[in-house]
Amino acid sequence: MSRGQARYKAILFDMDNTLLRSRIDFPRIKRDVFALLTEQGILPADFPLEDHTIATLIETARASNRLTDELDRSVWDIVVRGEREGMAGAELEPHVEETLERIRGHVRMTILTNNALEAAQEALQRTGIAPFFEHIAGREQMTSLKPSPSGVFHLLSQYPGIRPELWLSVGDSWIDGKAAQQAGISFLAYNARMTELERRGVPSIGHIRSMRELDNYL
């Protein structure tokens, strides 16, 4: 495969549970954030928590116009603490490094994560794969977290010569696919809950169980 022959010119990877097998307890973080928001009267106790991610939960709270700056900081303290605990022992997903090495030079590679940029960079450096990526975007580079497409648009803007249809997003969650869909780029699911993607109306060009299968879509 040469860069001229590749179906896609650039890849946008999610990080957690796509490149890195993190131990971040997302359900616990979501419950803790929800508990704080309900305790402060920002969200009702019967709020449909199961329909939301941490990101959409926070965006809903912000949209209420009742989330003060102080409370917003408290929410993010919960998130950051959970991220740090979970990223401390993060390891690579199987076959990630060999796959990145194989496709290096054929496609441009970037990362988009809802995590803090500094924490993401530390984990990627520690696991040895940071040099593979030209751009790494964290939540500081977004106006809204995934499933918002703002982070995707940020990365696309770094490559004005690559049209959206020549980008491929790879991720494990419906929020990755929804962000890709809204930005007009293709999405490849990795070890995803496909029933959840279908329920959310998120299209994908395929579903891979091993990173070794990525080559089949490039």
N, C-alpha and C. Protein backbone atom coordinates (compact mmCIF):
# COMPACT_ATOMS: atom_id res chain seq x y z
N MET A 1 0.85 -1.20 0.00
CA MET A 1 0.00 0.00 0.00
C MET A 1 0.88 1.24 0.00
N SER A 2 0.66 2.13 -0.94
CA SER A 2 1.37 3.40 -0.96
C SER A 2 0.39 4.51 -0.65
N ARG A 3 0.94 5.67 -0.29
CA ARG A 3 0.04 6.78 0.04
C ARG A 3 -0.83 7.14 -1.15
N GLY A 4 -0.31 6.99 -2.35
CA GLY A 4 -1.10 7.30 -3.53
C GLY A 4 -2.22 6.32 -3.78
N GLN A 5 -2.06 5.07 -3.32
CA GLN A 5 -3.07 4.05 -3.56
C GLN A 5 -4.09 3.94 -2.44
N ALA A 6 -3.81 4.52 -1.28
CA ALA A 6 -4.67 4.35 -0.12
C ALA A 6 -6.06 4.94 -0.37
N ARG A 7 -7.07 4.25 0.14
CA ARG A 7 -8.45 4.73 0.04
C ARG A 7 -8.63 6.01 0.87
N TYR A 8 -7.96 6.04 2.02
CA TYR A 8 -8.01 7.20 2.90
C TYR A 8 -6.62 7.80 3.02
N LYS A 9 -6.57 9.10 3.19
CA LYS A 9 -5.29 9.81 3.31
C LYS A 9 -4.93 10.11 4.76
N ALA A 10 -5.93 10.08 5.64
CA ALA A 10 -5.68 10.41 7.04
C ALA A 10 -6.62 9.62 7.95
N ILE A 11 -6.12 9.28 9.13
CA ILE A 11 -6.91 8.55 10.12
C ILE A 11 -6.98 9.36 11.40
N LEU A 12 -8.16 9.39 11.97
CA LEU A 12 -8.40 10.03 13.25
C LEU A 12 -8.76 8.92 14.24
N PHE A 13 -7.86 8.63 15.16
CA PHE A 13 -8.09 7.57 16.14
C PHE A 13 -8.68 8.13 17.43
N ASP A 14 -9.62 7.42 18.02
CA ASP A 14 -9.95 7.62 19.42
C ASP A 14 -8.79 7.04 20.23
N MET A 15 -8.71 7.36 21.52
CA MET A 15 -7.60 6.84 22.32
C MET A 15 -8.02 5.73 23.28
N ASP A 16 -8.90 6.05 24.24
CA ASP A 16 -9.27 5.06 25.26
C ASP A 16 -10.00 3.88 24.65
N ASN A 17 -9.48 2.70 24.91
CA ASN A 17 -10.07 1.44 24.46
C ASN A 17 -10.14 1.32 22.94
N THR A 18 -9.31 2.11 22.28
CA THR A 18 -9.07 1.98 20.84
C THR A 18 -7.58 1.77 20.61
N LEU A 19 -6.78 2.72 21.09
CA LEU A 19 -5.33 2.57 21.05
C LEU A 19 -4.79 2.06 22.39
N LEU A 20 -5.35 2.61 23.46
CA LEU A 20 -4.91 2.24 24.81
C LEU A 20 -6.00 1.49 25.54
N ARG A 21 -5.61 0.46 26.24
CA ARG A 21 -6.54 -0.27 27.10
C ARG A 21 -6.48 0.36 28.48
N SER A 22 -7.26 1.39 28.67
CA SER A 22 -7.21 2.13 29.93
C SER A 22 -8.10 1.45 30.96
N ARG A 23 -7.89 1.85 32.20
CA ARG A 23 -8.70 1.33 33.30
C ARG A 23 -9.61 2.41 33.86
N ILE A 24 -9.90 3.40 33.03
CA ILE A 24 -10.80 4.47 33.48
C ILE A 24 -12.19 3.89 33.71
N ASP A 25 -12.72 4.11 34.88
CA ASP A 25 -14.05 3.61 35.23
C ASP A 25 -15.08 4.66 34.82
N PHE A 26 -15.41 4.67 33.54
CA PHE A 26 -16.34 5.68 33.03
C PHE A 26 -17.71 5.63 33.70
N PRO A 27 -18.29 4.44 33.94
CA PRO A 27 -19.59 4.41 34.63
C PRO A 27 -19.54 5.03 36.02
N ARG A 28 -18.45 4.80 36.75
CA ARG A 28 -18.33 5.39 38.09
C ARG A 28 -18.21 6.90 38.01
N ILE A 29 -17.39 7.39 37.07
CA ILE A 29 -17.24 8.84 36.91
C ILE A 29 -18.59 9.46 36.57
N LYS A 30 -19.32 8.82 35.67
CA LYS A 30 -20.63 9.35 35.27
C LYS A 30 -21.58 9.39 36.47
N ARG A 31 -21.58 8.34 37.27
CA ARG A 31 -22.46 8.31 38.45
C ARG A 31 -22.07 9.40 39.44
N ASP A 32 -20.78 9.61 39.63
CA ASP A 32 -20.32 10.63 40.59
C ASP A 32 -20.67 12.03 40.10
N VAL A 33 -20.52 12.27 38.81
CA VAL A 33 -20.89 13.57 38.24
C VAL A 33 -22.39 13.78 38.37
N PHE A 34 -23.15 12.75 38.05
CA PHE A 34 -24.61 12.84 38.15
C PHE A 34 -25.05 13.11 39.58
N ALA A 35 -24.42 12.44 40.54
CA ALA A 35 -24.77 12.64 41.95
C ALA A 35 -24.55 14.09 42.35
N LEU A 36 -23.45 14.67 41.92
CA LEU A 36 -23.18 16.08 42.24
C LEU A 36 -24.20 17.00 41.59
N LEU A 37 -24.52 16.74 40.33
CA LEU A 37 -25.45 17.61 39.60
C LEU A 37 -26.87 17.52 40.15
N THR A 38 -27.28 16.34 40.58
CA THR A 38 -28.62 16.22 41.17
C THR A 38 -28.65 16.82 42.57
N GLU A 39 -27.58 16.62 43.30
CA GLU A 39 -27.48 17.18 44.66
C GLU A 39 -27.58 18.70 44.63
N GLN A 40 -27.02 19.30 43.58
CA GLN A 40 -27.04 20.76 43.45
C GLN A 40 -28.27 21.28 42.70
N GLY A 41 -29.17 20.38 42.33
CA GLY A 41 -30.41 20.78 41.68
C GLY A 41 -30.26 21.17 40.23
N ILE A 42 -29.16 20.75 39.61
CA ILE A 42 -28.95 21.07 38.20
C ILE A 42 -29.74 20.12 37.30
N LEU A 43 -29.77 18.86 37.68
CA LEU A 43 -30.51 17.85 36.93
C LEU A 43 -31.48 17.14 37.87
N PRO A 44 -32.64 16.70 37.35
CA PRO A 44 -33.61 16.00 38.18
C PRO A 44 -33.16 14.58 38.49
N ALA A 45 -33.66 14.03 39.58
CA ALA A 45 -33.27 12.68 40.00
C ALA A 45 -33.70 11.63 38.99
N ASP A 46 -34.77 11.90 38.22
CA ASP A 46 -35.25 10.92 37.24
C ASP A 46 -34.65 11.15 35.85
N PHE A 47 -33.58 11.91 35.77
CA PHE A 47 -32.89 12.15 34.51
C PHE A 47 -32.45 10.81 33.91
N PRO A 48 -32.64 10.60 32.59
CA PRO A 48 -32.31 9.30 31.96
C PRO A 48 -30.80 9.10 31.81
N LEU A 49 -30.14 8.79 32.91
CA LEU A 49 -28.68 8.70 32.93
C LEU A 49 -28.15 7.65 31.96
N GLU A 50 -28.89 6.55 31.78
CA GLU A 50 -28.41 5.46 30.93
C GLU A 50 -28.30 5.88 29.46
N ASP A 51 -28.97 6.95 29.08
CA ASP A 51 -28.92 7.42 27.69
C ASP A 51 -27.76 8.37 27.43
N HIS A 52 -26.97 8.65 28.46
CA HIS A 52 -25.94 9.67 28.34
C HIS A 52 -24.54 9.15 28.63
N THR A 53 -23.57 9.81 28.02
CA THR A 53 -22.17 9.62 28.37
C THR A 53 -21.79 10.75 29.34
N ILE A 54 -20.57 10.69 29.86
CA ILE A 54 -20.10 11.78 30.72
C ILE A 54 -20.17 13.10 29.96
N ALA A 55 -19.73 13.08 28.71
CA ALA A 55 -19.69 14.30 27.90
C ALA A 55 -21.08 14.89 27.70
N THR A 56 -22.04 14.06 27.31
CA THR A 56 -23.39 14.58 27.05
C THR A 56 -24.09 14.98 28.35
N LEU A 57 -23.72 14.31 29.45
CA LEU A 57 -24.26 14.69 30.76
C LEU A 57 -23.82 16.10 31.12
N ILE A 58 -22.54 16.37 30.93
CA ILE A 58 -22.00 17.70 31.24
C ILE A 58 -22.58 18.75 30.30
N GLU A 59 -22.69 18.42 29.02
CA GLU A 59 -23.25 19.38 28.06
C GLU A 59 -24.70 19.71 28.40
N THR A 60 -25.46 18.71 28.86
CA THR A 60 -26.85 18.95 29.26
C THR A 60 -26.91 19.87 30.46
N ALA A 61 -26.01 19.65 31.42
CA ALA A 61 -25.96 20.51 32.60
C ALA A 61 -25.62 21.94 32.21
N ARG A 62 -24.69 22.11 31.30
CA ARG A 62 -24.31 23.45 30.85
C ARG A 62 -25.47 24.14 30.13
N ALA A 63 -26.21 23.35 29.36
CA ALA A 63 -27.33 23.91 28.60
C ALA A 63 -28.46 24.40 29.51
N SER A 64 -28.47 23.93 30.76
CA SER A 64 -29.51 24.35 31.70
C SER A 64 -29.31 25.78 32.17
N ASN A 65 -28.11 26.33 31.95
CA ASN A 65 -27.75 27.68 32.39
C ASN A 65 -27.77 27.83 33.91
N ARG A 66 -27.72 26.69 34.62
CA ARG A 66 -27.67 26.74 36.08
C ARG A 66 -26.32 26.27 36.62
N LEU A 67 -25.43 25.90 35.72
CA LEU A 67 -24.13 25.39 36.13
C LEU A 67 -23.16 26.56 36.33
N THR A 68 -22.84 26.86 37.58
CA THR A 68 -21.93 27.95 37.89
C THR A 68 -20.49 27.56 37.54
N ASP A 69 -19.62 28.54 37.45
CA ASP A 69 -18.21 28.26 37.17
C ASP A 69 -17.60 27.38 38.25
N GLU A 70 -17.97 27.64 39.49
CA GLU A 70 -17.43 26.85 40.61
C GLU A 70 -17.89 25.40 40.52
N LEU A 71 -19.16 25.20 40.21
CA LEU A 71 -19.68 23.84 40.10
C LEU A 71 -19.09 23.14 38.87
N ASP A 72 -18.90 23.88 37.80
CA ASP A 72 -18.27 23.31 36.60
C ASP A 72 -16.87 22.79 36.93
N ARG A 73 -16.12 23.56 37.72
CA ARG A 73 -14.79 23.11 38.13
C ARG A 73 -14.87 21.86 38.99
N SER A 74 -15.87 21.79 39.86
CA SER A 74 -16.04 20.61 40.71
C SER A 74 -16.36 19.37 39.87
N VAL A 75 -17.16 19.56 38.84
CA VAL A 75 -17.48 18.45 37.93
C VAL A 75 -16.20 17.95 37.27
N TRP A 76 -15.40 18.87 36.76
CA TRP A 76 -14.18 18.46 36.06
C TRP A 76 -13.14 17.89 37.01
N ASP A 77 -13.17 18.30 38.28
CA ASP A 77 -12.28 17.68 39.27
C ASP A 77 -12.59 16.19 39.39
N ILE A 78 -13.87 15.84 39.38
CA ILE A 78 -14.28 14.43 39.44
C ILE A 78 -13.77 13.69 38.21
N VAL A 79 -13.96 14.30 37.04
CA VAL A 79 -13.55 13.66 35.79
C VAL A 79 -12.03 13.46 35.74
N VAL A 80 -11.29 14.52 36.05
CA VAL A 80 -9.82 14.45 35.98
C VAL A 80 -9.28 13.43 36.96
N ARG A 81 -9.83 13.40 38.16
CA ARG A 81 -9.38 12.41 39.15
C ARG A 81 -9.59 10.99 38.64
N GLY A 82 -10.75 10.74 38.06
CA GLY A 82 -11.03 9.41 37.51
C GLY A 82 -10.14 9.06 36.34
N GLU A 83 -9.85 10.06 35.50
CA GLU A 83 -8.96 9.83 34.36
C GLU A 83 -7.55 9.47 34.83
N ARG A 84 -7.05 10.22 35.79
CA ARG A 84 -5.69 9.97 36.28
C ARG A 84 -5.56 8.57 36.89
N GLU A 85 -6.56 8.20 37.66
CA GLU A 85 -6.53 6.87 38.28
C GLU A 85 -6.54 5.78 37.21
N GLY A 86 -7.37 5.96 36.19
CA GLY A 86 -7.51 4.93 35.16
C GLY A 86 -6.38 4.88 34.17
N MET A 87 -5.75 6.03 33.91
CA MET A 87 -4.67 6.07 32.93
C MET A 87 -3.34 5.62 33.50
N ALA A 88 -3.25 5.56 34.83
CA ALA A 88 -1.98 5.22 35.47
C ALA A 88 -1.43 3.88 34.99
N GLY A 89 -2.31 2.92 34.79
CA GLY A 89 -1.85 1.60 34.35
C GLY A 89 -2.24 1.25 32.93
N ALA A 90 -2.50 2.27 32.12
CA ALA A 90 -2.97 2.00 30.75
C ALA A 90 -1.90 1.29 29.93
N GLU A 91 -2.35 0.32 29.14
CA GLU A 91 -1.47 -0.43 28.25
C GLU A 91 -2.01 -0.32 26.83
N LEU A 92 -1.20 -0.72 25.87
CA LEU A 92 -1.65 -0.71 24.48
C LEU A 92 -2.69 -1.79 24.23
N GLU A 93 -3.66 -1.48 23.40
CA GLU A 93 -4.56 -2.51 22.90
C GLU A 93 -3.73 -3.49 22.05
N PRO A 94 -4.15 -4.74 21.95
CA PRO A 94 -3.38 -5.72 21.17
C PRO A 94 -3.13 -5.28 19.73
N HIS A 95 -1.92 -5.48 19.26
CA HIS A 95 -1.51 -5.28 17.86
C HIS A 95 -1.52 -3.81 17.43
N VAL A 96 -1.63 -2.89 18.37
CA VAL A 96 -1.65 -1.47 18.00
C VAL A 96 -0.31 -1.02 17.45
N GLU A 97 0.77 -1.29 18.18
CA GLU A 97 2.07 -0.77 17.75
C GLU A 97 2.48 -1.33 16.39
N GLU A 98 2.28 -2.62 16.18
CA GLU A 98 2.68 -3.22 14.90
C GLU A 98 1.84 -2.66 13.75
N THR A 99 0.56 -2.38 14.03
CA THR A 99 -0.31 -1.81 13.00
C THR A 99 0.11 -0.39 12.65
N LEU A 100 0.39 0.41 13.67
CA LEU A 100 0.82 1.78 13.42
C LEU A 100 2.14 1.80 12.64
N GLU A 101 3.03 0.90 12.98
CA GLU A 101 4.31 0.82 12.27
C GLU A 101 4.10 0.44 10.81
N ARG A 102 3.15 -0.45 10.57
CA ARG A 102 2.90 -0.95 9.22
C ARG A 102 2.29 0.12 8.31
N ILE A 103 1.42 0.95 8.87
CA ILE A 103 0.73 1.93 8.03
C ILE A 103 1.40 3.30 8.06
N ARG A 104 2.42 3.44 8.91
CA ARG A 104 3.15 4.71 8.95
C ARG A 104 3.71 5.05 7.57
N GLY A 105 3.52 6.28 7.14
CA GLY A 105 4.01 6.68 5.83
C GLY A 105 2.99 6.53 4.72
N HIS A 106 1.95 5.73 4.97
CA HIS A 106 0.89 5.54 3.97
C HIS A 106 -0.30 6.47 4.23
N VAL A 107 -0.55 6.77 5.50
CA VAL A 107 -1.65 7.67 5.87
C VAL A 107 -1.15 8.59 6.98
N ARG A 108 -1.76 9.78 7.07
CA ARG A 108 -1.46 10.69 8.17
C ARG A 108 -2.26 10.21 9.37
N MET A 109 -1.66 10.24 10.55
CA MET A 109 -2.33 9.70 11.74
C MET A 109 -2.47 10.77 12.82
N THR A 110 -3.68 10.86 13.37
CA THR A 110 -4.00 11.83 14.42
C THR A 110 -4.82 11.14 15.50
N ILE A 111 -4.97 11.81 16.63
CA ILE A 111 -5.77 11.30 17.75
C ILE A 111 -6.73 12.39 18.21
N LEU A 112 -7.96 11.98 18.51
CA LEU A 112 -8.95 12.87 19.11
C LEU A 112 -9.52 12.17 20.35
N THR A 113 -9.31 12.77 21.51
CA THR A 113 -9.78 12.18 22.76
C THR A 113 -10.51 13.21 23.60
N ASN A 114 -11.51 12.77 24.33
CA ASN A 114 -12.20 13.65 25.27
C ASN A 114 -11.38 13.88 26.54
N ASN A 115 -10.27 13.17 26.69
CA ASN A 115 -9.41 13.35 27.85
C ASN A 115 -8.65 14.68 27.75
N ALA A 116 -8.07 15.08 28.88
CA ALA A 116 -7.20 16.25 28.89
C ALA A 116 -5.98 15.97 28.02
N LEU A 117 -5.52 16.97 27.29
CA LEU A 117 -4.41 16.78 26.36
C LEU A 117 -3.14 16.33 27.09
N GLU A 118 -2.83 16.95 28.21
CA GLU A 118 -1.59 16.61 28.93
C GLU A 118 -1.60 15.15 29.38
N ALA A 119 -2.74 14.70 29.92
CA ALA A 119 -2.84 13.31 30.37
C ALA A 119 -2.72 12.35 29.19
N ALA A 120 -3.32 12.72 28.07
CA ALA A 120 -3.24 11.87 26.88
C ALA A 120 -1.81 11.77 26.38
N GLN A 121 -1.13 12.90 26.31
CA GLN A 121 0.25 12.90 25.84
C GLN A 121 1.15 12.07 26.74
N GLU A 122 0.94 12.17 28.05
CA GLU A 122 1.74 11.39 28.99
C GLU A 122 1.56 9.90 28.76
N ALA A 123 0.30 9.48 28.59
CA ALA A 123 0.02 8.05 28.39
C ALA A 123 0.59 7.56 27.06
N LEU A 124 0.49 8.37 26.04
CA LEU A 124 1.00 7.98 24.72
C LEU A 124 2.53 7.93 24.70
N GLN A 125 3.16 8.85 25.43
CA GLN A 125 4.62 8.81 25.54
C GLN A 125 5.06 7.58 26.33
N ARG A 126 4.37 7.31 27.42
CA ARG A 126 4.75 6.18 28.28
C ARG A 126 4.61 4.85 27.56
N THR A 127 3.61 4.73 26.71
CA THR A 127 3.40 3.47 25.98
C THR A 127 4.18 3.42 24.66
N GLY A 128 4.85 4.52 24.33
CA GLY A 128 5.78 4.51 23.20
C GLY A 128 5.20 4.77 21.83
N ILE A 129 3.92 5.18 21.75
CA ILE A 129 3.33 5.35 20.42
C ILE A 129 3.12 6.81 20.02
N ALA A 130 3.45 7.75 20.90
CA ALA A 130 3.25 9.16 20.58
C ALA A 130 3.91 9.59 19.26
N PRO A 131 5.13 9.11 18.95
CA PRO A 131 5.78 9.57 17.71
C PRO A 131 5.06 9.21 16.41
N PHE A 132 4.11 8.29 16.48
CA PHE A 132 3.38 7.91 15.26
C PHE A 132 2.40 9.00 14.81
N PHE A 133 2.04 9.92 15.71
CA PHE A 133 0.93 10.84 15.44
C PHE A 133 1.40 12.27 15.20
N GLU A 134 0.87 12.86 14.13
CA GLU A 134 1.23 14.23 13.78
C GLU A 134 0.50 15.24 14.65
N HIS A 135 -0.74 14.93 15.00
CA HIS A 135 -1.52 15.82 15.85
C HIS A 135 -2.29 15.00 16.88
N ILE A 136 -2.30 15.50 18.11
CA ILE A 136 -3.07 14.90 19.20
C ILE A 136 -3.95 16.00 19.77
N ALA A 137 -5.26 15.81 19.71
CA ALA A 137 -6.20 16.81 20.18
C ALA A 137 -6.96 16.26 21.39
N GLY A 138 -6.96 17.03 22.47
CA GLY A 138 -7.72 16.68 23.66
C GLY A 138 -8.91 17.60 23.81
N ARG A 139 -9.54 17.55 24.98
CA ARG A 139 -10.77 18.34 25.13
C ARG A 139 -10.50 19.85 25.08
N GLU A 140 -9.25 20.25 25.35
CA GLU A 140 -8.94 21.67 25.28
C GLU A 140 -9.01 22.21 23.85
N GLN A 141 -8.92 21.32 22.88
CA GLN A 141 -8.97 21.74 21.47
C GLN A 141 -10.39 21.71 20.91
N MET A 142 -11.38 21.39 21.75
CA MET A 142 -12.77 21.30 21.30
C MET A 142 -13.60 22.42 21.93
N THR A 143 -14.61 22.86 21.21
CA THR A 143 -15.58 23.76 21.82
C THR A 143 -16.62 22.95 22.59
N SER A 144 -16.87 21.72 22.16
CA SER A 144 -17.74 20.77 22.87
C SER A 144 -17.15 19.38 22.68
N LEU A 145 -17.35 18.52 23.69
CA LEU A 145 -16.80 17.18 23.65
C LEU A 145 -17.54 16.29 22.65
N LYS A 146 -16.87 15.23 22.20
CA LYS A 146 -17.57 14.21 21.41
C LYS A 146 -18.77 13.72 22.22
N PRO A 147 -19.94 13.59 21.58
CA PRO A 147 -20.22 13.40 20.16
C PRO A 147 -20.27 14.67 19.30
N SER A 148 -19.98 15.83 19.87
CA SER A 148 -19.87 17.02 19.03
C SER A 148 -18.75 16.82 18.01
N PRO A 149 -18.92 17.34 16.80
CA PRO A 149 -17.88 17.20 15.78
C PRO A 149 -16.79 18.27 15.87
N SER A 150 -16.82 19.11 16.90
CA SER A 150 -15.89 20.25 16.93
C SER A 150 -14.43 19.80 16.92
N GLY A 151 -14.12 18.71 17.64
CA GLY A 151 -12.75 18.21 17.65
C GLY A 151 -12.33 17.65 16.30
N VAL A 152 -13.27 17.03 15.61
CA VAL A 152 -12.99 16.51 14.27
C VAL A 152 -12.69 17.68 13.33
N PHE A 153 -13.50 18.72 13.41
CA PHE A 153 -13.27 19.89 12.56
C PHE A 153 -11.92 20.53 12.87
N HIS A 154 -11.54 20.53 14.14
CA HIS A 154 -10.23 21.08 14.52
C HIS A 154 -9.11 20.33 13.80
N LEU A 155 -9.18 19.01 13.81
CA LEU A 155 -8.13 18.22 13.17
C LEU A 155 -8.17 18.36 11.65
N LEU A 156 -9.37 18.37 11.08
CA LEU A 156 -9.47 18.54 9.64
C LEU A 156 -8.87 19.87 9.20
N SER A 157 -9.01 20.88 10.04
CA SER A 157 -8.48 22.20 9.68
C SER A 157 -6.96 22.23 9.63
N GLN A 158 -6.32 21.24 10.26
CA GLN A 158 -4.86 21.17 10.21
C GLN A 158 -4.36 20.63 8.87
N TYR A 159 -5.28 20.06 8.09
CA TYR A 159 -4.92 19.45 6.80
C TYR A 159 -5.85 19.96 5.71
N PRO A 160 -5.74 21.22 5.34
CA PRO A 160 -6.67 21.79 4.34
C PRO A 160 -6.60 21.11 2.98
N GLY A 161 -5.52 20.39 2.71
CA GLY A 161 -5.39 19.71 1.42
C GLY A 161 -6.02 18.33 1.37
N ILE A 162 -6.57 17.86 2.51
CA ILE A 162 -7.19 16.53 2.55
C ILE A 162 -8.69 16.70 2.75
N ARG A 163 -9.47 16.31 1.77
CA ARG A 163 -10.92 16.46 1.82
C ARG A 163 -11.53 15.53 2.88
N PRO A 164 -12.67 15.90 3.46
CA PRO A 164 -13.29 15.07 4.50
C PRO A 164 -13.52 13.62 4.08
N GLU A 165 -13.87 13.39 2.81
CA GLU A 165 -14.15 12.02 2.37
C GLU A 165 -12.88 11.16 2.33
N LEU A 166 -11.72 11.77 2.51
CA LEU A 166 -10.46 11.03 2.53
C LEU A 166 -9.97 10.77 3.95
N TRP A 167 -10.83 11.09 4.92
CA TRP A 167 -10.52 10.83 6.33
C TRP A 167 -11.29 9.61 6.82
N LEU A 168 -10.67 8.87 7.75
CA LEU A 168 -11.32 7.74 8.41
C LEU A 168 -11.18 7.91 9.91
N SER A 169 -12.29 7.81 10.62
CA SER A 169 -12.29 7.82 12.08
C SER A 169 -12.39 6.39 12.58
N VAL A 170 -11.58 6.05 13.59
CA VAL A 170 -11.59 4.71 14.18
C VAL A 170 -11.82 4.85 15.68
N GLY A 171 -12.86 4.19 16.19
CA GLY A 171 -13.16 4.30 17.61
C GLY A 171 -14.06 3.20 18.11
N ASP A 172 -14.19 3.13 19.43
CA ASP A 172 -14.95 2.04 20.05
C ASP A 172 -16.34 2.45 20.50
N SER A 173 -16.66 3.73 20.42
CA SER A 173 -17.92 4.22 20.99
C SER A 173 -18.80 4.91 19.96
N TRP A 174 -20.09 4.94 20.27
CA TRP A 174 -21.02 5.64 19.40
C TRP A 174 -20.69 7.12 19.32
N ILE A 175 -20.10 7.69 20.38
CA ILE A 175 -19.80 9.12 20.33
C ILE A 175 -18.71 9.43 19.30
N ASP A 176 -17.79 8.48 19.08
CA ASP A 176 -16.78 8.65 18.04
C ASP A 176 -17.44 8.65 16.66
N GLY A 177 -18.36 7.71 16.48
CA GLY A 177 -19.06 7.61 15.21
C GLY A 177 -19.98 8.78 14.94
N LYS A 178 -20.64 9.27 15.98
CA LYS A 178 -21.54 10.41 15.81
C LYS A 178 -20.75 11.67 15.45
N ALA A 179 -19.61 11.87 16.09
CA ALA A 179 -18.77 13.02 15.76
C ALA A 179 -18.30 12.95 14.31
N ALA A 180 -17.91 11.75 13.89
CA ALA A 180 -17.47 11.55 12.50
C ALA A 180 -18.62 11.81 11.53
N GLN A 181 -19.78 11.26 11.84
CA GLN A 181 -20.95 11.41 10.98
C GLN A 181 -21.29 12.89 10.78
N GLN A 182 -21.28 13.65 11.86
CA GLN A 182 -21.65 15.06 11.78
C GLN A 182 -20.59 15.91 11.07
N ALA A 183 -19.36 15.38 11.03
CA ALA A 183 -18.29 16.10 10.32
C ALA A 183 -18.14 15.64 8.88
N GLY A 184 -18.91 14.62 8.49
CA GLY A 184 -18.88 14.15 7.11
C GLY A 184 -17.72 13.25 6.77
N ILE A 185 -17.19 12.51 7.78
CA ILE A 185 -16.11 11.57 7.49
C ILE A 185 -16.56 10.15 7.84
N SER A 186 -15.89 9.17 7.27
CA SER A 186 -16.23 7.76 7.48
C SER A 186 -15.82 7.31 8.88
N PHE A 187 -16.53 6.30 9.39
CA PHE A 187 -16.26 5.77 10.72
C PHE A 187 -16.12 4.26 10.66
N LEU A 188 -15.06 3.75 11.27
CA LEU A 188 -14.83 2.32 11.41
C LEU A 188 -14.89 1.97 12.88
N ALA A 189 -15.79 1.07 13.25
CA ALA A 189 -15.97 0.70 14.65
C ALA A 189 -14.92 -0.34 15.06
N TYR A 190 -14.40 -0.17 16.27
CA TYR A 190 -13.41 -1.10 16.82
C TYR A 190 -13.94 -1.65 18.15
N ASN A 191 -14.19 -2.95 18.20
CA ASN A 191 -14.70 -3.59 19.42
C ASN A 191 -15.84 -2.78 20.04
N ALA A 192 -16.75 -2.38 19.21
CA ALA A 192 -17.85 -1.51 19.64
C ALA A 192 -19.11 -2.32 19.96
N ARG A 193 -20.01 -1.68 20.67
CA ARG A 193 -21.35 -2.25 20.89
C ARG A 193 -22.19 -1.82 19.69
N MET A 194 -22.29 -2.70 18.71
CA MET A 194 -22.94 -2.33 17.46
C MET A 194 -24.43 -2.06 17.64
N THR A 195 -25.06 -2.72 18.61
CA THR A 195 -26.47 -2.44 18.86
C THR A 195 -26.66 -1.00 19.32
N GLU A 196 -25.69 -0.48 20.06
CA GLU A 196 -25.77 0.91 20.52
C GLU A 196 -25.56 1.87 19.36
N LEU A 197 -24.65 1.55 18.45
CA LEU A 197 -24.46 2.39 17.27
C LEU A 197 -25.74 2.44 16.45
N GLU A 198 -26.37 1.28 16.29
CA GLU A 198 -27.61 1.22 15.52
C GLU A 198 -28.71 2.02 16.21
N ARG A 199 -28.79 1.89 17.53
CA ARG A 199 -29.82 2.61 18.29
C ARG A 199 -29.65 4.11 18.16
N ARG A 200 -28.40 4.53 18.07
CA ARG A 200 -28.10 5.97 17.97
C ARG A 200 -28.10 6.47 16.53
N GLY A 201 -28.33 5.57 15.57
CA GLY A 201 -28.34 5.98 14.17
C GLY A 201 -26.97 6.36 13.65
N VAL A 202 -25.94 5.66 14.14
CA VAL A 202 -24.56 5.96 13.74
C VAL A 202 -24.10 4.94 12.70
N PRO A 203 -23.82 5.37 11.48
CA PRO A 203 -23.36 4.44 10.44
C PRO A 203 -21.86 4.15 10.58
N SER A 204 -21.46 2.98 10.11
CA SER A 204 -20.04 2.64 10.08
C SER A 204 -19.75 1.89 8.79
N ILE A 205 -18.50 1.95 8.36
CA ILE A 205 -18.12 1.22 7.14
C ILE A 205 -17.75 -0.22 7.47
N GLY A 206 -17.70 -0.54 8.76
CA GLY A 206 -17.36 -1.90 9.18
C GLY A 206 -17.11 -1.96 10.67
N HIS A 207 -16.81 -3.15 11.14
CA HIS A 207 -16.55 -3.38 12.56
C HIS A 207 -15.38 -4.35 12.68
N ILE A 208 -14.29 -3.90 13.30
CA ILE A 208 -13.13 -4.77 13.46
C ILE A 208 -12.97 -5.17 14.92
N ARG A 209 -12.51 -6.39 15.13
CA ARG A 209 -12.27 -6.90 16.48
C ARG A 209 -10.80 -6.85 16.85
N SER A 210 -9.95 -6.74 15.85
CA SER A 210 -8.51 -6.66 16.05
C SER A 210 -7.96 -5.52 15.22
N MET A 211 -6.97 -4.80 15.77
CA MET A 211 -6.37 -3.71 15.02
C MET A 211 -5.67 -4.21 13.76
N ARG A 212 -5.34 -5.49 13.73
CA ARG A 212 -4.73 -6.07 12.52
C ARG A 212 -5.66 -5.95 11.31
N GLU A 213 -6.96 -5.87 11.55
CA GLU A 213 -7.94 -5.82 10.47
C GLU A 213 -8.04 -4.43 9.83
N LEU A 214 -7.40 -3.44 10.44
CA LEU A 214 -7.51 -2.07 9.93
C LEU A 214 -7.06 -1.97 8.47
N ASP A 215 -6.01 -2.71 8.12
CA ASP A 215 -5.47 -2.66 6.76
C ASP A 215 -6.53 -2.95 5.70
N ASN A 216 -7.52 -3.77 6.05
CA ASN A 216 -8.55 -4.15 5.08
C ASN A 216 -9.42 -2.98 4.65
N TYR A 217 -9.36 -1.87 5.40
CA TYR A 217 -10.21 -0.73 5.10
C TYR A 217 -9.43 0.47 4.57
N LEU A 218 -8.13 0.30 4.40
CA LEU A 218 -7.31 1.43 3.96
C LEU A 218 -7.02 1.36 2.46
